[in-house]
Amino acid sequence: MMEIVGMTINEILIVSSIILILVDIFFNSDIPTHIAYIILTFTFAKEIDMPILYQILFGILIWVALVVFHYWVWRKVLEKVNDKFISPSKHIGGIEGFIGKEGIIKEFEGEKFIFIHGELHQFETDKEIKNGNKYKVLDTKSNKLII
């Protein structure tokens, strides 16, 4: 088999793919990894000792498996690594910042709001609520706090 720079074509393609996948860690785009998946698919499929249509079929199956792996596993791992080590989130803005905070129910012009940090906010709840009681924000939905 032909060698370039002391490596076979397959080795060059595999190492190039690994480099593209590692580059994806530092970019917000999935493009480098998808290019790597196409290169890996081609590299593996061309080594299958079968007629060309079987190589194409197995190549498509390999590519689909890599894409499924990418979105079910790889993206989630990258998000966790990014959030923990590369760029940890220290500030959560907007109404998401109120999750876990406590507020007091106040009525204003006949409508009930939750009062948190000097601001009135709309909320939704399945609970029976009473004016003046404290409630904890559990989540957000459509610019409303869920208590």
N, C-alpha and C. Protein backbone atom coordinates (compact mmCIF):
# COMPACT_ATOMS: atom_id res chain seq x y z
N MET A 1 0.84 -1.17 0.00
CA MET A 1 0.00 0.00 0.00
C MET A 1 0.89 1.24 0.00
N MET A 2 0.44 2.28 -0.65
CA MET A 2 1.21 3.51 -0.80
C MET A 2 1.31 4.26 0.53
N GLU A 3 2.50 4.78 0.81
CA GLU A 3 2.70 5.54 2.03
C GLU A 3 3.04 6.98 1.70
N ILE A 4 2.49 7.88 2.49
CA ILE A 4 2.79 9.31 2.39
C ILE A 4 3.19 9.77 3.78
N VAL A 5 4.28 10.45 3.89
CA VAL A 5 4.80 10.96 5.16
C VAL A 5 4.89 9.84 6.20
N GLY A 6 5.27 8.64 5.75
CA GLY A 6 5.44 7.53 6.67
C GLY A 6 4.14 6.91 7.13
N MET A 7 3.02 7.29 6.52
CA MET A 7 1.72 6.77 6.93
C MET A 7 0.96 6.30 5.69
N THR A 8 0.12 5.30 5.88
CA THR A 8 -0.73 4.87 4.78
C THR A 8 -1.88 5.87 4.61
N ILE A 9 -2.57 5.79 3.50
CA ILE A 9 -3.72 6.68 3.25
C ILE A 9 -4.78 6.50 4.34
N ASN A 10 -5.04 5.25 4.72
CA ASN A 10 -6.04 4.99 5.77
C ASN A 10 -5.63 5.62 7.09
N GLU A 11 -4.37 5.51 7.45
CA GLU A 11 -3.89 6.12 8.70
C GLU A 11 -4.04 7.63 8.64
N ILE A 12 -3.70 8.23 7.52
CA ILE A 12 -3.85 9.69 7.36
C ILE A 12 -5.31 10.09 7.52
N LEU A 13 -6.22 9.34 6.89
CA LEU A 13 -7.65 9.65 6.97
C LEU A 13 -8.16 9.51 8.40
N ILE A 14 -7.76 8.46 9.09
CA ILE A 14 -8.22 8.24 10.47
C ILE A 14 -7.67 9.31 11.40
N VAL A 15 -6.38 9.62 11.29
CA VAL A 15 -5.78 10.66 12.14
C VAL A 15 -6.41 12.02 11.84
N SER A 16 -6.66 12.31 10.57
CA SER A 16 -7.32 13.57 10.20
C SER A 16 -8.72 13.64 10.82
N SER A 17 -9.43 12.54 10.81
CA SER A 17 -10.77 12.50 11.41
C SER A 17 -10.71 12.75 12.91
N ILE A 18 -9.75 12.13 13.56
CA ILE A 18 -9.60 12.34 15.01
C ILE A 18 -9.28 13.80 15.31
N ILE A 19 -8.42 14.40 14.51
CA ILE A 19 -8.10 15.82 14.69
C ILE A 19 -9.36 16.68 14.52
N LEU A 20 -10.17 16.39 13.49
CA LEU A 20 -11.41 17.15 13.29
C LEU A 20 -12.38 16.98 14.46
N ILE A 21 -12.47 15.77 14.98
CA ILE A 21 -13.35 15.53 16.13
C ILE A 21 -12.85 16.29 17.36
N LEU A 22 -11.54 16.31 17.57
CA LEU A 22 -10.98 17.06 18.71
C LEU A 22 -11.16 18.57 18.52
N VAL A 23 -11.07 19.04 17.29
CA VAL A 23 -11.29 20.46 17.00
C VAL A 23 -12.73 20.85 17.35
N ASP A 24 -13.66 19.92 17.15
CA ASP A 24 -15.07 20.18 17.43
C ASP A 24 -15.31 20.53 18.89
N ILE A 25 -14.44 20.09 19.77
CA ILE A 25 -14.59 20.41 21.20
C ILE A 25 -14.55 21.92 21.42
N PHE A 26 -13.79 22.63 20.61
CA PHE A 26 -13.59 24.05 20.82
C PHE A 26 -14.46 24.94 19.93
N PHE A 27 -15.26 24.35 19.07
CA PHE A 27 -16.13 25.11 18.19
C PHE A 27 -17.58 24.77 18.48
N ASN A 28 -18.46 25.73 18.25
CA ASN A 28 -19.88 25.55 18.49
C ASN A 28 -20.55 24.79 17.35
N SER A 29 -19.87 24.63 16.24
CA SER A 29 -20.44 23.99 15.05
C SER A 29 -20.16 22.49 15.07
N ASP A 30 -21.07 21.74 14.46
CA ASP A 30 -20.88 20.29 14.33
C ASP A 30 -20.20 19.93 13.01
N ILE A 31 -19.91 20.90 12.20
CA ILE A 31 -19.38 20.63 10.86
C ILE A 31 -18.07 19.83 10.88
N PRO A 32 -17.07 20.19 11.71
CA PRO A 32 -15.84 19.38 11.69
C PRO A 32 -16.08 17.91 12.02
N THR A 33 -16.95 17.63 12.97
CA THR A 33 -17.21 16.25 13.34
C THR A 33 -17.96 15.51 12.23
N HIS A 34 -18.90 16.18 11.59
CA HIS A 34 -19.62 15.52 10.50
C HIS A 34 -18.70 15.23 9.32
N ILE A 35 -17.77 16.12 9.05
CA ILE A 35 -16.76 15.85 8.01
C ILE A 35 -15.93 14.64 8.42
N ALA A 36 -15.55 14.58 9.69
CA ALA A 36 -14.78 13.44 10.20
C ALA A 36 -15.57 12.14 10.05
N TYR A 37 -16.88 12.19 10.33
CA TYR A 37 -17.71 11.00 10.20
C TYR A 37 -17.77 10.53 8.75
N ILE A 38 -17.85 11.46 7.81
CA ILE A 38 -17.86 11.09 6.39
C ILE A 38 -16.53 10.45 6.00
N ILE A 39 -15.43 11.03 6.47
CA ILE A 39 -14.10 10.47 6.17
C ILE A 39 -13.97 9.07 6.76
N LEU A 40 -14.39 8.90 8.02
CA LEU A 40 -14.32 7.59 8.67
C LEU A 40 -15.20 6.57 7.95
N THR A 41 -16.40 7.00 7.57
CA THR A 41 -17.30 6.11 6.85
C THR A 41 -16.66 5.63 5.55
N PHE A 42 -16.10 6.56 4.79
CA PHE A 42 -15.44 6.20 3.53
C PHE A 42 -14.27 5.24 3.79
N THR A 43 -13.46 5.56 4.80
CA THR A 43 -12.29 4.74 5.10
C THR A 43 -12.68 3.31 5.47
N PHE A 44 -13.69 3.17 6.33
CA PHE A 44 -14.10 1.83 6.75
C PHE A 44 -14.84 1.09 5.64
N ALA A 45 -15.72 1.78 4.93
CA ALA A 45 -16.53 1.12 3.91
C ALA A 45 -15.68 0.63 2.74
N LYS A 46 -14.64 1.37 2.38
CA LYS A 46 -13.83 0.93 1.24
C LYS A 46 -12.99 -0.30 1.57
N GLU A 47 -12.82 -0.60 2.84
CA GLU A 47 -12.06 -1.78 3.26
C GLU A 47 -12.92 -3.04 3.33
N ILE A 48 -14.23 -2.89 3.19
CA ILE A 48 -15.11 -4.06 3.21
C ILE A 48 -14.90 -4.83 1.90
N ASP A 49 -14.60 -6.11 2.03
CA ASP A 49 -14.30 -6.93 0.85
C ASP A 49 -15.58 -7.52 0.28
N MET A 50 -16.37 -6.64 -0.35
CA MET A 50 -17.63 -7.04 -0.96
C MET A 50 -17.85 -6.18 -2.20
N PRO A 51 -18.87 -6.51 -2.99
CA PRO A 51 -19.18 -5.66 -4.15
C PRO A 51 -19.52 -4.23 -3.73
N ILE A 52 -19.40 -3.30 -4.67
CA ILE A 52 -19.53 -1.87 -4.39
C ILE A 52 -20.87 -1.50 -3.76
N LEU A 53 -21.97 -2.13 -4.17
CA LEU A 53 -23.27 -1.80 -3.59
C LEU A 53 -23.33 -2.17 -2.11
N TYR A 54 -22.71 -3.28 -1.73
CA TYR A 54 -22.64 -3.63 -0.30
C TYR A 54 -21.76 -2.64 0.46
N GLN A 55 -20.68 -2.21 -0.16
CA GLN A 55 -19.83 -1.19 0.48
C GLN A 55 -20.63 0.09 0.71
N ILE A 56 -21.42 0.49 -0.28
CA ILE A 56 -22.25 1.69 -0.12
C ILE A 56 -23.28 1.49 0.99
N LEU A 57 -23.95 0.34 0.99
CA LEU A 57 -24.94 0.04 2.02
C LEU A 57 -24.31 0.07 3.41
N PHE A 58 -23.20 -0.64 3.59
CA PHE A 58 -22.54 -0.64 4.90
C PHE A 58 -22.00 0.75 5.25
N GLY A 59 -21.56 1.48 4.25
CA GLY A 59 -21.11 2.85 4.49
C GLY A 59 -22.23 3.72 5.03
N ILE A 60 -23.41 3.60 4.44
CA ILE A 60 -24.57 4.38 4.93
C ILE A 60 -24.92 3.96 6.35
N LEU A 61 -24.89 2.66 6.63
CA LEU A 61 -25.18 2.19 7.99
C LEU A 61 -24.15 2.69 9.00
N ILE A 62 -22.89 2.67 8.61
CA ILE A 62 -21.83 3.18 9.49
C ILE A 62 -22.04 4.67 9.74
N TRP A 63 -22.34 5.42 8.68
CA TRP A 63 -22.54 6.86 8.83
C TRP A 63 -23.74 7.16 9.73
N VAL A 64 -24.85 6.45 9.54
CA VAL A 64 -26.03 6.65 10.39
C VAL A 64 -25.70 6.33 11.85
N ALA A 65 -24.97 5.25 12.08
CA ALA A 65 -24.57 4.90 13.44
C ALA A 65 -23.71 6.00 14.06
N LEU A 66 -22.79 6.57 13.29
CA LEU A 66 -21.94 7.66 13.80
C LEU A 66 -22.76 8.91 14.11
N VAL A 67 -23.73 9.23 13.26
CA VAL A 67 -24.56 10.42 13.50
C VAL A 67 -25.45 10.21 14.73
N VAL A 68 -26.01 9.02 14.88
CA VAL A 68 -26.81 8.73 16.08
C VAL A 68 -25.94 8.83 17.32
N PHE A 69 -24.74 8.25 17.28
CA PHE A 69 -23.79 8.37 18.39
C PHE A 69 -23.50 9.84 18.68
N HIS A 70 -23.32 10.62 17.63
CA HIS A 70 -22.98 12.04 17.78
C HIS A 70 -24.04 12.78 18.58
N TYR A 71 -25.31 12.61 18.21
CA TYR A 71 -26.36 13.39 18.85
C TYR A 71 -26.86 12.78 20.16
N TRP A 72 -26.72 11.50 20.36
CA TRP A 72 -27.19 10.89 21.61
C TRP A 72 -26.11 10.84 22.68
N VAL A 73 -24.85 10.81 22.28
CA VAL A 73 -23.77 10.67 23.26
C VAL A 73 -22.77 11.83 23.18
N TRP A 74 -22.13 11.97 22.04
CA TRP A 74 -21.01 12.90 21.90
C TRP A 74 -21.38 14.33 22.26
N ARG A 75 -22.49 14.88 21.75
CA ARG A 75 -22.88 16.26 22.03
C ARG A 75 -23.12 16.45 23.53
N LYS A 76 -23.73 15.48 24.17
CA LYS A 76 -24.01 15.60 25.60
C LYS A 76 -22.72 15.58 26.41
N VAL A 77 -21.78 14.73 26.01
CA VAL A 77 -20.48 14.68 26.70
C VAL A 77 -19.76 16.01 26.52
N LEU A 78 -19.75 16.53 25.29
CA LEU A 78 -19.09 17.81 25.03
C LEU A 78 -19.73 18.95 25.82
N GLU A 79 -21.05 18.97 25.91
CA GLU A 79 -21.72 20.01 26.69
C GLU A 79 -21.31 19.94 28.15
N LYS A 80 -21.24 18.74 28.71
CA LYS A 80 -20.85 18.60 30.12
C LYS A 80 -19.40 19.02 30.33
N VAL A 81 -18.51 18.60 29.43
CA VAL A 81 -17.10 18.99 29.54
C VAL A 81 -16.97 20.50 29.41
N ASN A 82 -17.67 21.07 28.43
CA ASN A 82 -17.61 22.51 28.21
C ASN A 82 -18.16 23.27 29.42
N ASP A 83 -19.31 22.85 29.94
CA ASP A 83 -19.91 23.53 31.08
C ASP A 83 -19.09 23.40 32.35
N LYS A 84 -18.39 22.28 32.49
CA LYS A 84 -17.63 22.06 33.73
C LYS A 84 -16.22 22.63 33.68
N PHE A 85 -15.51 22.46 32.56
CA PHE A 85 -14.09 22.81 32.53
C PHE A 85 -13.75 24.00 31.64
N ILE A 86 -14.29 24.05 30.44
CA ILE A 86 -13.87 25.06 29.47
C ILE A 86 -14.54 26.40 29.72
N SER A 87 -15.85 26.40 29.87
CA SER A 87 -16.57 27.65 30.05
C SER A 87 -17.73 27.44 31.01
N PRO A 88 -17.42 27.34 32.30
CA PRO A 88 -18.49 27.10 33.26
C PRO A 88 -19.47 28.28 33.33
N SER A 89 -20.73 27.95 33.47
CA SER A 89 -21.77 28.98 33.58
C SER A 89 -21.82 29.46 35.03
N LYS A 90 -21.48 30.71 35.23
CA LYS A 90 -21.52 31.27 36.58
C LYS A 90 -22.72 32.18 36.77
N HIS A 91 -23.23 32.71 35.66
CA HIS A 91 -24.36 33.62 35.75
C HIS A 91 -25.47 33.13 34.83
N ILE A 92 -26.65 33.01 35.41
CA ILE A 92 -27.81 32.65 34.61
C ILE A 92 -28.70 33.88 34.59
N GLY A 93 -28.95 34.39 33.40
CA GLY A 93 -29.73 35.62 33.28
C GLY A 93 -31.19 35.34 32.99
N GLY A 94 -31.95 36.41 32.95
CA GLY A 94 -33.37 36.32 32.64
C GLY A 94 -34.14 35.62 33.74
N ILE A 95 -35.30 35.14 33.38
CA ILE A 95 -36.14 34.51 34.40
C ILE A 95 -35.61 33.17 34.86
N GLU A 96 -34.68 32.57 34.08
CA GLU A 96 -34.07 31.31 34.51
C GLU A 96 -33.27 31.50 35.81
N GLY A 97 -32.82 32.72 36.05
CA GLY A 97 -32.09 33.03 37.26
C GLY A 97 -32.94 32.95 38.53
N PHE A 98 -34.25 32.92 38.37
CA PHE A 98 -35.14 32.84 39.53
C PHE A 98 -35.43 31.42 39.98
N ILE A 99 -35.01 30.43 39.19
CA ILE A 99 -35.27 29.04 39.57
C ILE A 99 -34.54 28.75 40.88
N GLY A 100 -35.28 28.21 41.84
CA GLY A 100 -34.73 27.90 43.15
C GLY A 100 -34.91 29.03 44.17
N LYS A 101 -35.32 30.20 43.71
CA LYS A 101 -35.53 31.35 44.61
C LYS A 101 -36.94 31.31 45.19
N GLU A 102 -37.11 31.97 46.33
CA GLU A 102 -38.42 32.06 46.95
C GLU A 102 -38.99 33.45 46.76
N GLY A 103 -40.30 33.51 46.60
CA GLY A 103 -40.98 34.78 46.44
C GLY A 103 -42.29 34.77 47.19
N ILE A 104 -42.84 35.95 47.36
CA ILE A 104 -44.11 36.11 48.08
C ILE A 104 -45.21 36.42 47.07
N ILE A 105 -46.35 35.79 47.25
CA ILE A 105 -47.49 36.04 46.37
C ILE A 105 -48.13 37.37 46.76
N LYS A 106 -48.30 38.23 45.74
CA LYS A 106 -48.95 39.52 45.95
C LYS A 106 -50.02 39.69 44.89
N GLU A 107 -51.09 40.38 45.28
CA GLU A 107 -52.17 40.63 44.35
C GLU A 107 -52.10 42.09 43.92
N PHE A 108 -52.19 42.30 42.60
CA PHE A 108 -52.11 43.64 42.06
C PHE A 108 -53.19 43.77 40.98
N GLU A 109 -54.13 44.69 41.20
CA GLU A 109 -55.25 44.92 40.29
C GLU A 109 -56.01 43.63 39.99
N GLY A 110 -56.25 42.84 41.01
CA GLY A 110 -57.05 41.62 40.88
C GLY A 110 -56.30 40.42 40.35
N GLU A 111 -55.04 40.56 39.98
CA GLU A 111 -54.24 39.44 39.45
C GLU A 111 -53.10 39.14 40.42
N LYS A 112 -52.83 37.84 40.59
CA LYS A 112 -51.76 37.43 41.51
C LYS A 112 -50.43 37.32 40.78
N PHE A 113 -49.37 37.80 41.45
CA PHE A 113 -48.00 37.74 40.95
C PHE A 113 -47.12 37.21 42.06
N ILE A 114 -45.92 36.77 41.69
CA ILE A 114 -44.93 36.40 42.70
C ILE A 114 -43.89 37.52 42.75
N PHE A 115 -43.58 37.98 43.96
CA PHE A 115 -42.68 39.10 44.18
C PHE A 115 -41.31 38.55 44.58
N ILE A 116 -40.32 38.74 43.68
CA ILE A 116 -38.96 38.24 43.93
C ILE A 116 -37.98 39.37 43.62
N HIS A 117 -37.09 39.65 44.56
CA HIS A 117 -36.04 40.66 44.39
C HIS A 117 -36.60 41.99 43.90
N GLY A 118 -37.71 42.41 44.48
CA GLY A 118 -38.26 43.72 44.16
C GLY A 118 -39.01 43.78 42.84
N GLU A 119 -39.30 42.64 42.23
CA GLU A 119 -40.01 42.61 40.95
C GLU A 119 -41.20 41.67 41.02
N LEU A 120 -42.28 42.06 40.32
CA LEU A 120 -43.45 41.20 40.20
C LEU A 120 -43.34 40.38 38.92
N HIS A 121 -43.64 39.08 39.04
CA HIS A 121 -43.55 38.18 37.89
C HIS A 121 -44.81 37.35 37.78
N GLN A 122 -45.20 37.06 36.53
CA GLN A 122 -46.31 36.15 36.31
C GLN A 122 -45.86 34.73 36.64
N PHE A 123 -46.82 33.93 37.04
CA PHE A 123 -46.47 32.55 37.38
C PHE A 123 -47.61 31.62 37.02
N GLU A 124 -47.28 30.33 37.01
CA GLU A 124 -48.27 29.26 36.83
C GLU A 124 -48.05 28.25 37.94
N THR A 125 -49.14 27.63 38.37
CA THR A 125 -49.03 26.59 39.39
C THR A 125 -50.27 25.71 39.38
N ASP A 126 -50.11 24.51 39.86
CA ASP A 126 -51.24 23.60 40.04
C ASP A 126 -51.70 23.61 41.50
N LYS A 127 -50.94 24.29 42.35
CA LYS A 127 -51.21 24.32 43.78
C LYS A 127 -52.26 25.38 44.11
N GLU A 128 -52.85 25.21 45.26
CA GLU A 128 -53.73 26.24 45.82
C GLU A 128 -52.81 27.28 46.48
N ILE A 129 -52.85 28.50 46.00
CA ILE A 129 -51.95 29.53 46.53
C ILE A 129 -52.72 30.57 47.33
N LYS A 130 -52.01 31.15 48.28
CA LYS A 130 -52.63 32.18 49.13
C LYS A 130 -51.78 33.44 49.08
N ASN A 131 -52.46 34.55 49.05
CA ASN A 131 -51.80 35.84 49.05
C ASN A 131 -50.93 36.00 50.29
N GLY A 132 -49.68 36.44 50.12
CA GLY A 132 -48.77 36.67 51.25
C GLY A 132 -47.90 35.48 51.61
N ASN A 133 -48.19 34.30 51.08
CA ASN A 133 -47.38 33.11 51.38
C ASN A 133 -46.14 33.07 50.49
N LYS A 134 -45.11 32.38 50.99
CA LYS A 134 -43.87 32.21 50.22
C LYS A 134 -43.95 30.92 49.41
N TYR A 135 -43.44 31.01 48.17
CA TYR A 135 -43.38 29.83 47.29
C TYR A 135 -42.04 29.83 46.58
N LYS A 136 -41.57 28.62 46.28
CA LYS A 136 -40.30 28.45 45.60
C LYS A 136 -40.53 28.28 44.10
N VAL A 137 -39.67 28.91 43.28
CA VAL A 137 -39.75 28.79 41.83
C VAL A 137 -39.10 27.47 41.43
N LEU A 138 -39.85 26.63 40.72
CA LEU A 138 -39.37 25.31 40.32
C LEU A 138 -38.81 25.28 38.90
N ASP A 139 -39.40 26.10 38.03
CA ASP A 139 -39.00 26.07 36.61
C ASP A 139 -39.56 27.31 35.91
N THR A 140 -39.34 27.40 34.61
CA THR A 140 -39.92 28.47 33.80
C THR A 140 -40.63 27.86 32.60
N LYS A 141 -41.60 28.61 32.08
CA LYS A 141 -42.33 28.16 30.91
C LYS A 141 -42.94 29.38 30.24
N SER A 142 -42.54 29.64 29.00
CA SER A 142 -43.11 30.74 28.21
C SER A 142 -43.08 32.06 29.00
N ASN A 143 -41.94 32.43 29.52
CA ASN A 143 -41.75 33.67 30.28
C ASN A 143 -42.58 33.75 31.54
N LYS A 144 -43.03 32.62 32.05
CA LYS A 144 -43.72 32.57 33.33
C LYS A 144 -42.95 31.66 34.26
N LEU A 145 -42.99 31.99 35.53
CA LEU A 145 -42.35 31.16 36.54
C LEU A 145 -43.31 30.05 36.94
N ILE A 146 -42.78 28.88 37.17
CA ILE A 146 -43.58 27.75 37.65
C ILE A 146 -43.27 27.57 39.12
N ILE A 147 -44.32 27.66 39.95
CA ILE A 147 -44.11 27.51 41.40
C ILE A 147 -44.87 26.30 41.91
